[in-house]
All heavy atoms as atom14 arrays in JSON, in Angstrom:
{
  "sequence": "VLAIVNEVYFRNTQKNPDFEEGRRRLDLKISQLQEAGLG",
  "atom14_mask": [
    [1, 1, 1, 1, 1, 1, 1, 0, 0, 0, 0, 0, 0, 0],
    [1, 1, 1, 1, 1, 1, 1, 1, 0, 0, 0, 0, 0, 0],
    [1, 1, 1, 1, 1, 0, 0, 0, 0, 0, 0, 0, 0, 0],
    [1, 1, 1, 1, 1, 1, 1, 1, 0, 0, 0, 0, 0, 0],
    [1, 1, 1, 1, 1, 1, 1, 0, 0, 0, 0, 0, 0, 0],
    [1, 1, 1, 1, 1, 1, 1, 1, 0, 0, 0, 0, 0, 0],
    [1, 1, 1, 1, 1, 1, 1, 1, 1, 0, 0, 0, 0, 0],
    [1, 1, 1, 1, 1, 1, 1, 0, 0, 0, 0, 0, 0, 0],
    [1, 1, 1, 1, 1, 1, 1, 1, 1, 1, 1, 1, 0, 0],
    [1, 1, 1, 1, 1, 1, 1, 1, 1, 1, 1, 0, 0, 0],
    [1, 1, 1, 1, 1, 1, 1, 1, 1, 1, 1, 0, 0, 0],
    [1, 1, 1, 1, 1, 1, 1, 1, 0, 0, 0, 0, 0, 0],
    [1, 1, 1, 1, 1, 1, 1, 0, 0, 0, 0, 0, 0, 0],
    [1, 1, 1, 1, 1, 1, 1, 1, 1, 0, 0, 0, 0, 0],
    [1, 1, 1, 1, 1, 1, 1, 1, 1, 0, 0, 0, 0, 0],
    [1, 1, 1, 1, 1, 1, 1, 1, 0, 0, 0, 0, 0, 0],
    [1, 1, 1, 1, 1, 1, 1, 0, 0, 0, 0, 0, 0, 0],
    [1, 1, 1, 1, 1, 1, 1, 1, 0, 0, 0, 0, 0, 0],
    [1, 1, 1, 1, 1, 1, 1, 1, 1, 1, 1, 0, 0, 0],
    [1, 1, 1, 1, 1, 1, 1, 1, 1, 0, 0, 0, 0, 0],
    [1, 1, 1, 1, 1, 1, 1, 1, 1, 0, 0, 0, 0, 0],
    [1, 1, 1, 1, 0, 0, 0, 0, 0, 0, 0, 0, 0, 0],
    [1, 1, 1, 1, 1, 1, 1, 1, 1, 1, 1, 0, 0, 0],
    [1, 1, 1, 1, 1, 1, 1, 1, 1, 1, 1, 0, 0, 0],
    [1, 1, 1, 1, 1, 1, 1, 1, 1, 1, 1, 0, 0, 0],
    [1, 1, 1, 1, 1, 1, 1, 1, 0, 0, 0, 0, 0, 0],
    [1, 1, 1, 1, 1, 1, 1, 1, 0, 0, 0, 0, 0, 0],
    [1, 1, 1, 1, 1, 1, 1, 1, 0, 0, 0, 0, 0, 0],
    [1, 1, 1, 1, 1, 1, 1, 1, 1, 0, 0, 0, 0, 0],
    [1, 1, 1, 1, 1, 1, 1, 1, 0, 0, 0, 0, 0, 0],
    [1, 1, 1, 1, 1, 1, 0, 0, 0, 0, 0, 0, 0, 0],
    [1, 1, 1, 1, 1, 1, 1, 1, 1, 0, 0, 0, 0, 0],
    [1, 1, 1, 1, 1, 1, 1, 1, 0, 0, 0, 0, 0, 0],
    [1, 1, 1, 1, 1, 1, 1, 1, 1, 0, 0, 0, 0, 0],
    [1, 1, 1, 1, 1, 1, 1, 1, 1, 0, 0, 0, 0, 0],
    [1, 1, 1, 1, 1, 0, 0, 0, 0, 0, 0, 0, 0, 0],
    [1, 1, 1, 1, 0, 0, 0, 0, 0, 0, 0, 0, 0, 0],
    [1, 1, 1, 1, 1, 1, 1, 1, 0, 0, 0, 0, 0, 0],
    [1, 1, 1, 1, 0, 0, 0, 0, 0, 0, 0, 0, 0, 0]
  ],
  "atom14_positions": [
    [[-7.77, 208.59, 21.45], [-7.54, 207.62, 22.63], [-8.57, 206.46, 22.63], [-8.26, 205.39, 22.88], [-7.51, 208.35, 23.96], [-7.55, 207.38, 25.15], [-6.24, 209.25, 23.99], [0.0, 0.0, 0.0], [0.0, 0.0, 0.0], [0.0, 0.0, 0.0], [0.0, 0.0, 0.0], [0.0, 0.0, 0.0], [0.0, 0.0, 0.0], [0.0, 0.0, 0.0]],
    [[-9.75, 206.86, 22.41], [-10.95, 205.77, 22.3], [-10.52, 204.83, 21.21], [-10.8, 203.67, 21.36], [-12.25, 206.44, 22.11], [-12.79, 207.2, 23.31], [-14.04, 207.98, 22.99], [-13.12, 206.33, 24.55], [0.0, 0.0, 0.0], [0.0, 0.0, 0.0], [0.0, 0.0, 0.0], [0.0, 0.0, 0.0], [0.0, 0.0, 0.0], [0.0, 0.0, 0.0]],
    [[-10.19, 205.4, 20.06], [-9.87, 204.51, 18.85], [-8.61, 203.63, 19.15], [-8.65, 202.48, 18.75], [-9.56, 205.38, 17.68], [0.0, 0.0, 0.0], [0.0, 0.0, 0.0], [0.0, 0.0, 0.0], [0.0, 0.0, 0.0], [0.0, 0.0, 0.0], [0.0, 0.0, 0.0], [0.0, 0.0, 0.0], [0.0, 0.0, 0.0], [0.0, 0.0, 0.0]],
    [[-7.72, 204.11, 20.05], [-6.56, 203.33, 20.4], [-7.02, 202.11, 21.36], [-6.64, 201.04, 21.14], [-5.5, 204.16, 21.06], [-4.72, 205.05, 20.15], [-4.52, 203.42, 21.99], [-3.87, 206.11, 20.71], [0.0, 0.0, 0.0], [0.0, 0.0, 0.0], [0.0, 0.0, 0.0], [0.0, 0.0, 0.0], [0.0, 0.0, 0.0], [0.0, 0.0, 0.0]],
    [[-7.8, 202.62, 22.39], [-8.37, 201.5, 23.27], [-9.0, 200.39, 22.54], [-8.77, 199.28, 22.76], [-9.16, 202.08, 24.36], [-9.86, 200.94, 25.29], [-8.38, 203.02, 25.23], [0.0, 0.0, 0.0], [0.0, 0.0, 0.0], [0.0, 0.0, 0.0], [0.0, 0.0, 0.0], [0.0, 0.0, 0.0], [0.0, 0.0, 0.0], [0.0, 0.0, 0.0]],
    [[-9.89, 200.76, 21.6], [-10.62, 199.74, 20.77], [-9.68, 198.92, 20.01], [-9.79, 197.63, 20.04], [-11.61, 200.49, 19.83], [-12.95, 200.53, 20.35], [-13.67, 199.56, 20.69], [-13.34, 201.88, 20.47], [0.0, 0.0, 0.0], [0.0, 0.0, 0.0], [0.0, 0.0, 0.0], [0.0, 0.0, 0.0], [0.0, 0.0, 0.0], [0.0, 0.0, 0.0]],
    [[-8.76, 199.47, 19.28], [-7.93, 198.71, 18.35], [-7.02, 197.9, 19.13], [-6.67, 196.67, 18.82], [-7.15, 199.46, 17.36], [-6.45, 198.79, 16.37], [-6.13, 199.61, 15.12], [-6.71, 200.7, 14.83], [-5.45, 199.14, 14.22], [0.0, 0.0, 0.0], [0.0, 0.0, 0.0], [0.0, 0.0, 0.0], [0.0, 0.0, 0.0], [0.0, 0.0, 0.0]],
    [[-6.58, 198.33, 20.35], [-5.6, 197.36, 21.2], [-6.35, 196.26, 21.66], [-5.95, 195.09, 21.72], [-5.0, 198.34, 22.23], [-4.43, 197.34, 23.41], [-3.92, 199.21, 21.86], [0.0, 0.0, 0.0], [0.0, 0.0, 0.0], [0.0, 0.0, 0.0], [0.0, 0.0, 0.0], [0.0, 0.0, 0.0], [0.0, 0.0, 0.0], [0.0, 0.0, 0.0]],
    [[-7.62, 196.55, 22.13], [-8.4, 195.54, 22.63], [-8.75, 194.34, 21.61], [-8.4, 193.12, 21.78], [-9.66, 196.08, 23.19], [-10.78, 195.07, 23.64], [-10.61, 194.45, 24.88], [-11.84, 194.69, 22.86], [-11.54, 193.36, 25.29], [-12.8, 193.74, 23.15], [-12.56, 193.16, 24.5], [-13.51, 192.21, 24.74], [0.0, 0.0, 0.0], [0.0, 0.0, 0.0]],
    [[-9.11, 194.9, 20.5], [-9.61, 193.87, 19.49], [-8.32, 193.09, 18.73], [-8.46, 191.97, 18.42], [-10.44, 194.43, 18.36], [-11.82, 194.72, 18.87], [-12.34, 195.88, 19.19], [-12.66, 193.62, 19.06], [-13.64, 196.06, 19.69], [-13.88, 193.8, 19.57], [-14.36, 195.07, 19.94], [0.0, 0.0, 0.0], [0.0, 0.0, 0.0], [0.0, 0.0, 0.0]],
    [[-7.28, 193.82, 18.63], [-6.08, 193.07, 18.06], [-5.48, 191.97, 19.03], [-4.81, 191.06, 18.66], [-5.0, 194.04, 17.64], [-4.15, 194.6, 18.66], [-3.11, 195.75, 18.1], [-2.21, 196.3, 19.12], [-1.51, 197.25, 19.0], [-1.48, 197.85, 17.73], [-0.75, 197.73, 19.97], [0.0, 0.0, 0.0], [0.0, 0.0, 0.0], [0.0, 0.0, 0.0]],
    [[-5.74, 192.27, 20.33], [-5.36, 191.15, 21.36], [-6.38, 190.06, 21.5], [-5.99, 188.94, 21.83], [-5.12, 191.83, 22.65], [-3.67, 192.65, 22.74], [-2.78, 191.92, 22.85], [-3.78, 193.94, 22.55], [0.0, 0.0, 0.0], [0.0, 0.0, 0.0], [0.0, 0.0, 0.0], [0.0, 0.0, 0.0], [0.0, 0.0, 0.0], [0.0, 0.0, 0.0]],
    [[-7.65, 190.44, 21.36], [-8.72, 189.44, 21.61], [-9.17, 188.68, 20.5], [-9.81, 187.6, 20.4], [-9.87, 190.1, 22.29], [-10.41, 191.19, 21.57], [-9.38, 190.65, 23.75], [0.0, 0.0, 0.0], [0.0, 0.0, 0.0], [0.0, 0.0, 0.0], [0.0, 0.0, 0.0], [0.0, 0.0, 0.0], [0.0, 0.0, 0.0], [0.0, 0.0, 0.0]],
    [[-8.93, 189.39, 19.31], [-9.36, 188.67, 18.02], [-8.1, 188.58, 17.06], [-8.02, 189.47, 16.27], [-10.64, 189.56, 17.27], [-11.73, 189.71, 18.31], [-12.42, 188.44, 18.57], [-12.28, 187.43, 17.84], [-13.07, 188.49, 19.8], [0.0, 0.0, 0.0], [0.0, 0.0, 0.0], [0.0, 0.0, 0.0], [0.0, 0.0, 0.0], [0.0, 0.0, 0.0]],
    [[-7.26, 187.6, 17.29], [-6.11, 187.48, 16.57], [-6.34, 187.3, 14.99], [-5.55, 187.71, 14.28], [-5.2, 186.28, 17.19], [-4.91, 186.48, 18.57], [-3.84, 187.48, 18.87], [-3.5, 187.4, 20.3], [-2.47, 188.59, 20.53], [0.0, 0.0, 0.0], [0.0, 0.0, 0.0], [0.0, 0.0, 0.0], [0.0, 0.0, 0.0], [0.0, 0.0, 0.0]],
    [[-7.37, 186.59, 14.71], [-7.73, 186.39, 13.2], [-9.11, 186.88, 12.99], [-10.05, 186.06, 12.83], [-7.61, 184.85, 12.93], [-6.16, 184.32, 13.12], [-5.29, 184.78, 12.44], [-5.97, 183.5, 14.16], [0.0, 0.0, 0.0], [0.0, 0.0, 0.0], [0.0, 0.0, 0.0], [0.0, 0.0, 0.0], [0.0, 0.0, 0.0], [0.0, 0.0, 0.0]],
    [[-9.28, 188.0, 12.9], [-10.62, 188.6, 12.63], [-11.35, 188.12, 11.42], [-10.69, 187.81, 10.38], [-10.37, 190.24, 12.54], [-9.05, 190.37, 13.08], [-8.14, 189.13, 12.69], [0.0, 0.0, 0.0], [0.0, 0.0, 0.0], [0.0, 0.0, 0.0], [0.0, 0.0, 0.0], [0.0, 0.0, 0.0], [0.0, 0.0, 0.0], [0.0, 0.0, 0.0]],
    [[-12.59, 187.92, 11.45], [-13.4, 187.45, 10.5], [-13.97, 188.58, 9.65], [-15.12, 189.11, 9.7], [-14.66, 186.64, 10.95], [-15.42, 185.93, 10.06], [-15.13, 186.08, 8.75], [-16.2, 185.03, 10.32], [0.0, 0.0, 0.0], [0.0, 0.0, 0.0], [0.0, 0.0, 0.0], [0.0, 0.0, 0.0], [0.0, 0.0, 0.0], [0.0, 0.0, 0.0]],
    [[-13.04, 189.09, 8.69], [-13.39, 190.19, 7.9], [-14.36, 189.87, 6.84], [-15.23, 190.69, 6.5], [-12.08, 190.78, 7.24], [-11.13, 191.49, 8.06], [-9.98, 190.9, 8.45], [-11.58, 192.62, 8.81], [-8.97, 191.52, 9.22], [-10.67, 193.2, 9.65], [-9.44, 192.72, 9.89], [0.0, 0.0, 0.0], [0.0, 0.0, 0.0], [0.0, 0.0, 0.0]],
    [[-14.46, 188.57, 6.46], [-15.49, 188.08, 5.49], [-16.9, 188.32, 6.06], [-17.81, 188.64, 5.35], [-15.32, 186.64, 5.02], [-14.06, 186.61, 4.03], [-14.31, 187.48, 2.88], [-15.48, 187.52, 2.24], [-13.38, 188.26, 2.52], [0.0, 0.0, 0.0], [0.0, 0.0, 0.0], [0.0, 0.0, 0.0], [0.0, 0.0, 0.0], [0.0, 0.0, 0.0]],
    [[-17.01, 187.93, 7.39], [-18.17, 188.12, 8.07], [-18.59, 189.65, 8.15], [-19.72, 190.05, 7.84], [-18.25, 187.54, 9.4], [-19.5, 187.92, 10.32], [-20.76, 187.26, 9.73], [-20.7, 186.42, 8.86], [-21.85, 187.72, 10.18], [0.0, 0.0, 0.0], [0.0, 0.0, 0.0], [0.0, 0.0, 0.0], [0.0, 0.0, 0.0], [0.0, 0.0, 0.0]],
    [[-17.61, 190.51, 8.42], [-17.85, 191.93, 8.46], [-18.22, 192.46, 7.05], [-19.15, 193.25, 6.86], [0.0, 0.0, 0.0], [0.0, 0.0, 0.0], [0.0, 0.0, 0.0], [0.0, 0.0, 0.0], [0.0, 0.0, 0.0], [0.0, 0.0, 0.0], [0.0, 0.0, 0.0], [0.0, 0.0, 0.0], [0.0, 0.0, 0.0], [0.0, 0.0, 0.0]],
    [[-17.73, 191.86, 5.91], [-18.12, 192.27, 4.64], [-19.48, 191.87, 4.31], [-20.23, 192.54, 3.53], [-17.11, 191.85, 3.56], [-15.72, 192.47, 3.61], [-14.62, 191.88, 2.78], [-13.4, 192.56, 3.18], [-12.31, 191.83, 3.45], [-12.37, 190.41, 3.41], [-11.15, 192.42, 3.56], [0.0, 0.0, 0.0], [0.0, 0.0, 0.0], [0.0, 0.0, 0.0]],
    [[-19.75, 190.67, 4.66], [-21.19, 190.16, 4.43], [-22.18, 191.06, 5.17], [-23.3, 191.42, 4.46], [-21.32, 188.65, 4.98], [-22.62, 188.03, 4.63], [-22.83, 186.68, 5.4], [-23.09, 187.05, 6.85], [-24.3, 187.38, 7.38], [-25.21, 187.6, 6.57], [-24.43, 187.55, 8.59], [0.0, 0.0, 0.0], [0.0, 0.0, 0.0], [0.0, 0.0, 0.0]],
    [[-21.94, 191.44, 6.4], [-22.9, 192.28, 7.08], [-22.94, 193.67, 6.47], [-23.88, 194.28, 6.4], [-22.47, 192.42, 8.54], [-22.51, 191.13, 9.36], [-22.14, 191.33, 10.74], [-22.2, 189.91, 11.47], [-22.68, 189.97, 12.8], [-22.91, 191.04, 13.41], [-22.69, 188.64, 13.4], [0.0, 0.0, 0.0], [0.0, 0.0, 0.0], [0.0, 0.0, 0.0]],
    [[-21.85, 194.19, 6.02], [-21.79, 195.56, 5.26], [-22.57, 195.43, 3.96], [-23.44, 196.36, 3.7], [-20.34, 195.94, 5.07], [-20.22, 197.38, 4.45], [-20.71, 198.41, 5.3], [-18.71, 197.66, 4.21], [0.0, 0.0, 0.0], [0.0, 0.0, 0.0], [0.0, 0.0, 0.0], [0.0, 0.0, 0.0], [0.0, 0.0, 0.0], [0.0, 0.0, 0.0]],
    [[-22.59, 194.28, 3.23], [-23.26, 194.14, 2.04], [-24.7, 194.09, 2.33], [-25.48, 194.74, 1.51], [-22.71, 192.76, 1.34], [-23.3, 192.57, 0.07], [-22.98, 193.43, -0.91], [-24.19, 191.72, -0.17], [0.0, 0.0, 0.0], [0.0, 0.0, 0.0], [0.0, 0.0, 0.0], [0.0, 0.0, 0.0], [0.0, 0.0, 0.0], [0.0, 0.0, 0.0]],
    [[-25.11, 193.55, 3.37], [-26.51, 193.55, 3.77], [-27.02, 194.94, 4.02], [-28.2, 195.22, 3.57], [-26.79, 192.53, 4.97], [-28.24, 192.5, 5.52], [-29.19, 192.01, 4.36], [-28.3, 191.54, 6.7], [0.0, 0.0, 0.0], [0.0, 0.0, 0.0], [0.0, 0.0, 0.0], [0.0, 0.0, 0.0], [0.0, 0.0, 0.0], [0.0, 0.0, 0.0]],
    [[-26.26, 195.66, 4.79], [-26.66, 196.99, 5.08], [-26.81, 197.86, 3.7], [-27.79, 198.58, 3.63], [-25.56, 197.79, 5.99], [-25.43, 197.16, 7.34], [-24.4, 197.89, 8.18], [-24.21, 197.33, 9.63], [-23.48, 196.1, 9.74], [0.0, 0.0, 0.0], [0.0, 0.0, 0.0], [0.0, 0.0, 0.0], [0.0, 0.0, 0.0], [0.0, 0.0, 0.0]],
    [[-25.81, 197.73, 2.92], [-26.03, 198.41, 1.65], [-27.2, 198.0, 0.75], [-27.95, 198.89, 0.37], [-24.69, 198.31, 0.69], [-23.57, 198.96, 1.58], [-24.79, 198.76, -0.49], [-22.16, 198.66, 1.05], [0.0, 0.0, 0.0], [0.0, 0.0, 0.0], [0.0, 0.0, 0.0], [0.0, 0.0, 0.0], [0.0, 0.0, 0.0], [0.0, 0.0, 0.0]],
    [[-27.55, 196.66, 0.79], [-28.68, 196.16, 0.13], [-29.99, 196.83, 0.71], [-30.86, 197.17, -0.13], [-28.7, 194.71, 0.15], [-27.59, 194.11, -0.51], [0.0, 0.0, 0.0], [0.0, 0.0, 0.0], [0.0, 0.0, 0.0], [0.0, 0.0, 0.0], [0.0, 0.0, 0.0], [0.0, 0.0, 0.0], [0.0, 0.0, 0.0], [0.0, 0.0, 0.0]],
    [[-30.05, 196.92, 2.08], [-31.05, 197.43, 2.65], [-31.35, 198.86, 2.29], [-32.47, 199.38, 2.07], [-30.99, 197.3, 4.27], [-31.16, 195.83, 4.64], [-30.86, 195.73, 6.04], [-30.04, 196.45, 6.67], [-31.33, 194.68, 6.85], [0.0, 0.0, 0.0], [0.0, 0.0, 0.0], [0.0, 0.0, 0.0], [0.0, 0.0, 0.0], [0.0, 0.0, 0.0]],
    [[-30.22, 199.71, 2.29], [-30.33, 201.13, 1.96], [-30.78, 201.38, 0.49], [-31.25, 202.42, 0.19], [-29.07, 201.82, 2.28], [-28.7, 201.83, 3.82], [-27.28, 202.32, 3.86], [-29.45, 203.04, 4.41], [0.0, 0.0, 0.0], [0.0, 0.0, 0.0], [0.0, 0.0, 0.0], [0.0, 0.0, 0.0], [0.0, 0.0, 0.0], [0.0, 0.0, 0.0]],
    [[-30.53, 200.38, -0.37], [-30.83, 200.49, -1.78], [-32.17, 199.95, -2.2], [-32.52, 199.88, -3.47], [-29.6, 199.82, -2.68], [-28.4, 200.52, -2.5], [-27.2, 199.96, -3.23], [-27.23, 198.53, -3.43], [-26.33, 200.55, -3.78], [0.0, 0.0, 0.0], [0.0, 0.0, 0.0], [0.0, 0.0, 0.0], [0.0, 0.0, 0.0], [0.0, 0.0, 0.0]],
    [[-32.95, 199.55, -1.17], [-34.34, 198.97, -1.54], [-35.21, 200.32, -2.05], [-35.02, 201.4, -1.86], [-34.98, 198.55, -0.28], [-34.35, 197.24, 0.17], [-34.93, 196.65, 1.48], [-35.93, 197.32, 2.11], [-34.34, 195.6, 2.0], [0.0, 0.0, 0.0], [0.0, 0.0, 0.0], [0.0, 0.0, 0.0], [0.0, 0.0, 0.0], [0.0, 0.0, 0.0]],
    [[-36.23, 199.78, -2.78], [-37.19, 200.7, -3.58], [-37.73, 201.61, -2.47], [-38.04, 201.29, -1.43], [-38.25, 199.96, -4.12], [0.0, 0.0, 0.0], [0.0, 0.0, 0.0], [0.0, 0.0, 0.0], [0.0, 0.0, 0.0], [0.0, 0.0, 0.0], [0.0, 0.0, 0.0], [0.0, 0.0, 0.0], [0.0, 0.0, 0.0], [0.0, 0.0, 0.0]],
    [[-37.81, 202.89, -2.89], [-38.46, 203.85, -2.04], [-37.48, 204.69, -1.04], [-37.88, 205.5, -0.33], [0.0, 0.0, 0.0], [0.0, 0.0, 0.0], [0.0, 0.0, 0.0], [0.0, 0.0, 0.0], [0.0, 0.0, 0.0], [0.0, 0.0, 0.0], [0.0, 0.0, 0.0], [0.0, 0.0, 0.0], [0.0, 0.0, 0.0], [0.0, 0.0, 0.0]],
    [[-36.2, 204.28, -1.09], [-35.3, 204.86, -0.2], [-34.15, 205.68, -0.92], [-33.1, 206.02, -0.41], [-34.48, 203.77, 0.62], [-35.45, 202.84, 1.46], [-34.66, 201.78, 2.24], [-36.31, 203.6, 2.5], [0.0, 0.0, 0.0], [0.0, 0.0, 0.0], [0.0, 0.0, 0.0], [0.0, 0.0, 0.0], [0.0, 0.0, 0.0], [0.0, 0.0, 0.0]],
    [[-34.47, 206.1, -2.03], [-33.44, 206.79, -2.98], [-32.78, 208.04, -2.36], [-31.63, 208.31, -2.64], [0.0, 0.0, 0.0], [0.0, 0.0, 0.0], [0.0, 0.0, 0.0], [0.0, 0.0, 0.0], [0.0, 0.0, 0.0], [0.0, 0.0, 0.0], [0.0, 0.0, 0.0], [0.0, 0.0, 0.0], [0.0, 0.0, 0.0], [0.0, 0.0, 0.0]]
  ]
}
């Protein structure tokens, strides 16, 4: 039900989601996790 509320809200308020921005942010997170000393 929480997942439903979220998806209904965002599909109505963000008709053209910026998935490229989402991928850029995800890529940054992955790069941070792969830094030296965090193996």
